[in-house]
Amino acid sequence: MRSPHALWAAVPVLAFLSTPYLPFVNGPHLWLGIPSVLCWCLIWTAGTTVALALVDRFAPAADDDESGEPV
């Protein structure tokens, strides 16, 4: 069973997949001087890095028994 901390990785995926359906993102808007869709994707690209760092940080440590070395 997967740990609940792995759900952090689903947040940026859902943000990217919901981009065309969000009216405040998918429109003729400028955020920080660039199109809102581009800014949204840049934010969630950084968010993906943060989410994967959280997953890696809170993942259980690998057992030494599974290192592939004979006992």
PDB file of N, CA and C in Angstrom:
ATOM      1  N   MET A   1       0.844  -1.181   0.000  1.00  0.00           N
ATOM      2  CA  MET A   1       0.000   0.000   0.000  1.00  0.00           C
ATOM      3  C   MET A   1       0.886   1.239   0.000  1.00  0.00           C
ATOM      4  N   ARG A   2       0.499   2.232  -0.730  1.00  0.00           N
ATOM      5  CA  ARG A   2       1.281   3.457  -0.826  1.00  0.00           C
ATOM      6  C   ARG A   2       1.057   4.325   0.406  1.00  0.00           C
ATOM      7  N   SER A   3       2.097   5.052   0.753  1.00  0.00           N
ATOM      8  CA  SER A   3       2.009   5.961   1.892  1.00  0.00           C
ATOM      9  C   SER A   3       1.202   7.200   1.510  1.00  0.00           C
ATOM     10  N   PRO A   4       0.536   7.808   2.470  1.00  0.00           N
ATOM     11  CA  PRO A   4      -0.269   8.993   2.146  1.00  0.00           C
ATOM     12  C   PRO A   4       0.570  10.185   1.694  1.00  0.00           C
ATOM     13  N   HIS A   5       1.855  10.211   2.034  1.00  0.00           N
ATOM     14  CA  HIS A   5       2.677  11.337   1.607  1.00  0.00           C
ATOM     15  C   HIS A   5       2.882  11.349   0.098  1.00  0.00           C
ATOM     16  N   ALA A   6       2.676  10.228  -0.558  1.00  0.00           N
ATOM     17  CA  ALA A   6       2.828  10.161  -2.014  1.00  0.00           C
ATOM     18  C   ALA A   6       1.719  10.934  -2.732  1.00  0.00           C
ATOM     19  N   LEU A   7       0.672  11.291  -2.016  1.00  0.00           N
ATOM     20  CA  LEU A   7      -0.402  12.096  -2.616  1.00  0.00           C
ATOM     21  C   LEU A   7       0.081  13.497  -2.978  1.00  0.00           C
ATOM     22  N   TRP A   8       1.186  13.958  -2.361  1.00  0.00           N
ATOM     23  CA  TRP A   8       1.748  15.258  -2.717  1.00  0.00           C
ATOM     24  C   TRP A   8       2.101  15.299  -4.191  1.00  0.00           C
ATOM     25  N   ALA A   9       2.488  14.170  -4.764  1.00  0.00           N
ATOM     26  CA  ALA A   9       2.863  14.137  -6.173  1.00  0.00           C
ATOM     27  C   ALA A   9       1.651  14.306  -7.086  1.00  0.00           C
ATOM     28  N   ALA A  10       0.462  14.037  -6.584  1.00  0.00           N
ATOM     29  CA  ALA A  10      -0.745  14.158  -7.399  1.00  0.00           C
ATOM     30  C   ALA A  10      -1.216  15.603  -7.539  1.00  0.00           C
ATOM     31  N   VAL A  11      -0.815  16.472  -6.631  1.00  0.00           N
ATOM     32  CA  VAL A  11      -1.283  17.868  -6.657  1.00  0.00           C
ATOM     33  C   VAL A  11      -0.845  18.587  -7.934  1.00  0.00           C
ATOM     34  N   PRO A  12       0.455  18.573  -8.299  1.00  0.00           N
ATOM     35  CA  PRO A  12       0.825  19.260  -9.541  1.00  0.00           C
ATOM     36  C   PRO A  12       0.241  18.606 -10.790  1.00  0.00           C
ATOM     37  N   VAL A  13       0.078  17.305 -10.763  1.00  0.00           N
ATOM     38  CA  VAL A  13      -0.511  16.621 -11.918  1.00  0.00           C
ATOM     39  C   VAL A  13      -1.943  17.101 -12.122  1.00  0.00           C
ATOM     40  N   LEU A  14      -2.696  17.182 -11.051  1.00  0.00           N
ATOM     41  CA  LEU A  14      -4.075  17.676 -11.151  1.00  0.00           C
ATOM     42  C   LEU A  14      -4.116  19.135 -11.583  1.00  0.00           C
ATOM     43  N   ALA A  15      -3.152  19.925 -11.131  1.00  0.00           N
ATOM     44  CA  ALA A  15      -3.101  21.331 -11.541  1.00  0.00           C
ATOM     45  C   ALA A  15      -2.834  21.459 -13.030  1.00  0.00           C
ATOM     46  N   PHE A  16      -1.900  20.660 -13.547  1.00  0.00           N
ATOM     47  CA  PHE A  16      -1.615  20.697 -14.979  1.00  0.00           C
ATOM     48  C   PHE A  16      -2.809  20.213 -15.799  1.00  0.00           C
ATOM     49  N   LEU A  17      -3.455  19.145 -15.355  1.00  0.00           N
ATOM     50  CA  LEU A  17      -4.581  18.600 -16.114  1.00  0.00           C
ATOM     51  C   LEU A  17      -5.813  19.503 -16.068  1.00  0.00           C
ATOM     52  N   SER A  18      -5.938  20.301 -15.017  1.00  0.00           N
ATOM     53  CA  SER A  18      -7.101  21.179 -14.900  1.00  0.00           C
ATOM     54  C   SER A  18      -6.900  22.526 -15.600  1.00  0.00           C
ATOM     55  N   THR A  19      -5.726  22.775 -16.135  1.00  0.00           N
ATOM     56  CA  THR A  19      -5.414  24.072 -16.748  1.00  0.00           C
ATOM     57  C   THR A  19      -6.438  24.515 -17.799  1.00  0.00           C
ATOM     58  N   PRO A  20      -6.828  23.674 -18.755  1.00  0.00           N
ATOM     59  CA  PRO A  20      -7.773  24.170 -19.775  1.00  0.00           C
ATOM     60  C   PRO A  20      -9.177  24.436 -19.249  1.00  0.00           C
ATOM     61  N   TYR A  21      -9.501  23.922 -18.059  1.00  0.00           N
ATOM     62  CA  TYR A  21     -10.855  24.047 -17.536  1.00  0.00           C
ATOM     63  C   TYR A  21     -11.010  25.171 -16.518  1.00  0.00           C
ATOM     64  N   LEU A  22      -9.912  25.811 -16.140  1.00  0.00           N
ATOM     65  CA  LEU A  22      -9.982  26.886 -15.157  1.00  0.00           C
ATOM     66  C   LEU A  22     -10.110  28.231 -15.871  1.00  0.00           C
ATOM     67  N   PRO A  23     -11.224  28.924 -15.685  1.00  0.00           N
ATOM     68  CA  PRO A  23     -11.429  30.171 -16.432  1.00  0.00           C
ATOM     69  C   PRO A  23     -10.463  31.290 -16.040  1.00  0.00           C
ATOM     70  N   PHE A  24      -9.960  31.288 -14.812  1.00  0.00           N
ATOM     71  CA  PHE A  24      -9.019  32.341 -14.425  1.00  0.00           C
ATOM     72  C   PHE A  24      -7.622  32.091 -14.975  1.00  0.00           C
ATOM     73  N   VAL A  25      -7.378  30.896 -15.498  1.00  0.00           N
ATOM     74  CA  VAL A  25      -6.087  30.584 -16.113  1.00  0.00           C
ATOM     75  C   VAL A  25      -6.197  30.618 -17.632  1.00  0.00           C
ATOM     76  N   ASN A  26      -7.217  29.989 -18.154  1.00  0.00           N
ATOM     77  CA  ASN A  26      -7.378  29.853 -19.597  1.00  0.00           C
ATOM     78  C   ASN A  26      -8.195  31.021 -20.136  1.00  0.00           C
ATOM     79  N   GLY A  27      -7.558  32.148 -20.267  1.00  0.00           N
ATOM     80  CA  GLY A  27      -8.227  33.331 -20.783  1.00  0.00           C
ATOM     81  C   GLY A  27      -7.197  34.346 -21.234  1.00  0.00           C
ATOM     82  N   PRO A  28      -7.666  35.463 -21.750  1.00  0.00           N
ATOM     83  CA  PRO A  28      -6.735  36.483 -22.249  1.00  0.00           C
ATOM     84  C   PRO A  28      -6.216  37.378 -21.125  1.00  0.00           C
ATOM     85  N   HIS A  29      -5.601  36.768 -20.127  1.00  0.00           N
ATOM     86  CA  HIS A  29      -5.110  37.509 -18.974  1.00  0.00           C
ATOM     87  C   HIS A  29      -3.587  37.528 -18.984  1.00  0.00           C
ATOM     88  N   LEU A  30      -3.032  38.543 -18.367  1.00  0.00           N
ATOM     89  CA  LEU A  30      -1.589  38.608 -18.160  1.00  0.00           C
ATOM     90  C   LEU A  30      -1.307  38.540 -16.665  1.00  0.00           C
ATOM     91  N   TRP A  31      -0.402  37.656 -16.301  1.00  0.00           N
ATOM     92  CA  TRP A  31       0.088  37.576 -14.933  1.00  0.00           C
ATOM     93  C   TRP A  31       1.575  37.862 -14.988  1.00  0.00           C
ATOM     94  N   LEU A  32       2.015  38.818 -14.248  1.00  0.00           N
ATOM     95  CA  LEU A  32       3.435  39.189 -14.217  1.00  0.00           C
ATOM     96  C   LEU A  32       3.967  39.517 -15.602  1.00  0.00           C
ATOM     97  N   GLY A  33       3.096  39.992 -16.475  1.00  0.00           N
ATOM     98  CA  GLY A  33       3.493  40.392 -17.812  1.00  0.00           C
ATOM     99  C   GLY A  33       3.576  39.269 -18.829  1.00  0.00           C
ATOM    100  N   ILE A  34       3.194  38.059 -18.449  1.00  0.00           N
ATOM    101  CA  ILE A  34       3.194  36.932 -19.388  1.00  0.00           C
ATOM    102  C   ILE A  34       1.799  36.310 -19.387  1.00  0.00           C
ATOM    103  N   PRO A  35       1.449  35.578 -20.429  1.00  0.00           N
ATOM    104  CA  PRO A  35       0.112  34.962 -20.460  1.00  0.00           C
ATOM    105  C   PRO A  35      -0.126  34.084 -19.229  1.00  0.00           C
ATOM    106  N   SER A  36      -1.359  34.084 -18.756  1.00  0.00           N
ATOM    107  CA  SER A  36      -1.693  33.385 -17.517  1.00  0.00           C
ATOM    108  C   SER A  36      -1.416  31.888 -17.599  1.00  0.00           C
ATOM    109  N   VAL A  37      -1.633  31.274 -18.754  1.00  0.00           N
ATOM    110  CA  VAL A  37      -1.374  29.837 -18.888  1.00  0.00           C
ATOM    111  C   VAL A  37       0.112  29.536 -18.712  1.00  0.00           C
ATOM    112  N   LEU A  38       0.963  30.378 -19.295  1.00  0.00           N
ATOM    113  CA  LEU A  38       2.401  30.176 -19.166  1.00  0.00           C
ATOM    114  C   LEU A  38       2.838  30.374 -17.717  1.00  0.00           C
ATOM    115  N   CYS A  39       2.329  31.402 -17.068  1.00  0.00           N
ATOM    116  CA  CYS A  39       2.673  31.644 -15.669  1.00  0.00           C
ATOM    117  C   CYS A  39       2.192  30.491 -14.784  1.00  0.00           C
ATOM    118  N   TRP A  40       0.985  30.003 -15.030  1.00  0.00           N
ATOM    119  CA  TRP A  40       0.423  28.872 -14.287  1.00  0.00           C
ATOM    120  C   TRP A  40       1.313  27.642 -14.440  1.00  0.00           C
ATOM    121  N   CYS A  41       1.747  27.363 -15.638  1.00  0.00           N
ATOM    122  CA  CYS A  41       2.605  26.194 -15.873  1.00  0.00           C
ATOM    123  C   CYS A  41       3.984  26.378 -15.234  1.00  0.00           C
ATOM    124  N   LEU A  42       4.503  27.590 -15.240  1.00  0.00           N
ATOM    125  CA  LEU A  42       5.787  27.838 -14.578  1.00  0.00           C
ATOM    126  C   LEU A  42       5.668  27.641 -13.071  1.00  0.00           C
ATOM    127  N   ILE A  43       4.580  28.116 -12.498  1.00  0.00           N
ATOM    128  CA  ILE A  43       4.366  27.943 -11.057  1.00  0.00           C
ATOM    129  C   ILE A  43       4.265  26.468 -10.702  1.00  0.00           C
ATOM    130  N   TRP A  44       3.517  25.703 -11.504  1.00  0.00           N
ATOM    131  CA  TRP A  44       3.340  24.295 -11.180  1.00  0.00           C
ATOM    132  C   TRP A  44       4.537  23.434 -11.571  1.00  0.00           C
ATOM    133  N   THR A  45       5.390  23.943 -12.438  1.00  0.00           N
ATOM    134  CA  THR A  45       6.649  23.251 -12.679  1.00  0.00           C
ATOM    135  C   THR A  45       7.515  23.334 -11.423  1.00  0.00           C
ATOM    136  N   ALA A  46       7.565  24.500 -10.818  1.00  0.00           N
ATOM    137  CA  ALA A  46       8.272  24.634  -9.541  1.00  0.00           C
ATOM    138  C   ALA A  46       7.554  23.833  -8.450  1.00  0.00           C
ATOM    139  N   GLY A  47       6.223  23.817  -8.496  1.00  0.00           N
ATOM    140  CA  GLY A  47       5.446  23.036  -7.532  1.00  0.00           C
ATOM    141  C   GLY A  47       5.694  21.547  -7.647  1.00  0.00           C
ATOM    142  N   THR A  48       5.953  21.080  -8.857  1.00  0.00           N
ATOM    143  CA  THR A  48       6.284  19.672  -9.050  1.00  0.00           C
ATOM    144  C   THR A  48       7.587  19.336  -8.350  1.00  0.00           C
ATOM    145  N   THR A  49       8.553  20.220  -8.465  1.00  0.00           N
ATOM    146  CA  THR A  49       9.832  20.010  -7.793  1.00  0.00           C
ATOM    147  C   THR A  49       9.650  19.954  -6.279  1.00  0.00           C
ATOM    148  N   VAL A  50       8.851  20.850  -5.755  1.00  0.00           N
ATOM    149  CA  VAL A  50       8.592  20.868  -4.313  1.00  0.00           C
ATOM    150  C   VAL A  50       7.854  19.603  -3.881  1.00  0.00           C
ATOM    151  N   ALA A  51       6.858  19.187  -4.650  1.00  0.00           N
ATOM    152  CA  ALA A  51       6.085  17.995  -4.306  1.00  0.00           C
ATOM    153  C   ALA A  51       6.964  16.751  -4.325  1.00  0.00           C
ATOM    154  N   LEU A  52       7.817  16.620  -5.321  1.00  0.00           N
ATOM    155  CA  LEU A  52       8.698  15.458  -5.383  1.00  0.00           C
ATOM    156  C   LEU A  52       9.743  15.489  -4.276  1.00  0.00           C
ATOM    157  N   ALA A  53      10.187  16.679  -3.882  1.00  0.00           N
ATOM    158  CA  ALA A  53      11.107  16.785  -2.742  1.00  0.00           C
ATOM    159  C   ALA A  53      10.420  16.350  -1.453  1.00  0.00           C
ATOM    160  N   LEU A  54       9.138  16.714  -1.283  1.00  0.00           N
ATOM    161  CA  LEU A  54       8.387  16.276  -0.107  1.00  0.00           C
ATOM    162  C   LEU A  54       8.207  14.766  -0.088  1.00  0.00           C
ATOM    163  N   VAL A  55       7.895  14.199  -1.230  1.00  0.00           N
ATOM    164  CA  VAL A  55       7.743  12.742  -1.308  1.00  0.00           C
ATOM    165  C   VAL A  55       9.055  12.056  -0.955  1.00  0.00           C
ATOM    166  N   ASP A  56      10.157  12.573  -1.495  1.00  0.00           N
ATOM    167  CA  ASP A  56      11.456  11.976  -1.208  1.00  0.00           C
ATOM    168  C   ASP A  56      11.835  12.143   0.254  1.00  0.00           C
ATOM    169  N   ARG A  57      11.501  13.291   0.826  1.00  0.00           N
ATOM    170  CA  ARG A  57      11.865  13.568   2.222  1.00  0.00           C
ATOM    171  C   ARG A  57      11.122  12.654   3.182  1.00  0.00           C
ATOM    172  N   PHE A  58       9.855  12.428   2.928  1.00  0.00           N
ATOM    173  CA  PHE A  58       9.037  11.657   3.853  1.00  0.00           C
ATOM    174  C   PHE A  58       8.881  10.196   3.471  1.00  0.00           C
ATOM    175  N   ALA A  59       9.540   9.756   2.424  1.00  0.00           N
ATOM    176  CA  ALA A  59       9.476   8.353   2.026  1.00  0.00           C
ATOM    177  C   ALA A  59      10.225   7.510   3.052  1.00  0.00           C
ATOM    178  N   PRO A  60       9.718   6.323   3.317  1.00  0.00           N
ATOM    179  CA  PRO A  60      10.441   5.462   4.251  1.00  0.00           C
ATOM    180  C   PRO A  60      11.797   5.066   3.670  1.00  0.00           C
ATOM    181  N   ALA A  61      12.756   4.924   4.548  1.00  0.00           N
ATOM    182  CA  ALA A  61      14.105   4.561   4.110  1.00  0.00           C
ATOM    183  C   ALA A  61      14.113   3.140   3.558  1.00  0.00           C
ATOM    184  N   ALA A  62      14.947   2.930   2.559  1.00  0.00           N
ATOM    185  CA  ALA A  62      15.070   1.592   1.977  1.00  0.00           C
ATOM    186  C   ALA A  62      15.775   0.676   2.970  1.00  0.00           C
ATOM    187  N   ASP A  63      15.348  -0.574   3.014  1.00  0.00           N
ATOM    188  CA  ASP A  63      15.988  -1.540   3.899  1.00  0.00           C
ATOM    189  C   ASP A  63      17.354  -1.915   3.367  1.00  0.00           C
ATOM    190  N   ASP A  64      18.264  -2.177   4.295  1.00  0.00           N
ATOM    191  CA  ASP A  64      19.599  -2.609   3.876  1.00  0.00           C
ATOM    192  C   ASP A  64      19.566  -4.020   3.290  1.00  0.00           C
ATOM    193  N   ASP A  65      18.542  -4.793   3.626  1.00  0.00           N
ATOM    194  CA  ASP A  65      18.437  -6.166   3.120  1.00  0.00           C
ATOM    195  C   ASP A  65      18.179  -6.205   1.627  1.00  0.00           C
ATOM    196  N   GLU A  66      17.647  -5.154   1.062  1.00  0.00           N
ATOM    197  CA  GLU A  66      17.303  -5.133  -0.351  1.00  0.00           C
ATOM    198  C   GLU A  66      18.376  -4.450  -1.197  1.00  0.00           C
ATOM    199  N   SER A  67      19.590  -4.353  -0.684  1.00  0.00           N
ATOM    200  CA  SER A  67      20.644  -3.651  -1.412  1.00  0.00           C
ATOM    201  C   SER A  67      21.228  -4.480  -2.550  1.00  0.00           C
ATOM    202  N   GLY A  68      20.893  -5.739  -2.622  1.00  0.00           N
ATOM    203  CA  GLY A  68      21.391  -6.585  -3.697  1.00  0.00           C
ATOM    204  C   GLY A  68      22.673  -7.317  -3.350  1.00  0.00           C
ATOM    205  N   GLU A  69      23.211  -7.067  -2.177  1.00  0.00           N
ATOM    206  CA  GLU A  69      24.413  -7.756  -1.762  1.00  0.00           C
ATOM    207  C   GLU A  69      24.051  -9.064  -1.081  1.00  0.00           C
ATOM    208  N   PRO A  70      24.852 -10.101  -1.337  1.00  0.00           N
ATOM    209  CA  PRO A  70      24.561 -11.387  -0.652  1.00  0.00           C
ATOM    210  C   PRO A  70      24.826 -11.277   0.847  1.00  0.00           C
ATOM    211  N   VAL A  71      24.047 -12.016   1.611  1.00  0.00           N
ATOM    212  CA  VAL A  71      24.162 -11.962   3.076  1.00  0.00           C
ATOM    213  C   VAL A  71      25.175 -12.943   3.564  1.00  0.00           C
TER     214      VAL A  71
END
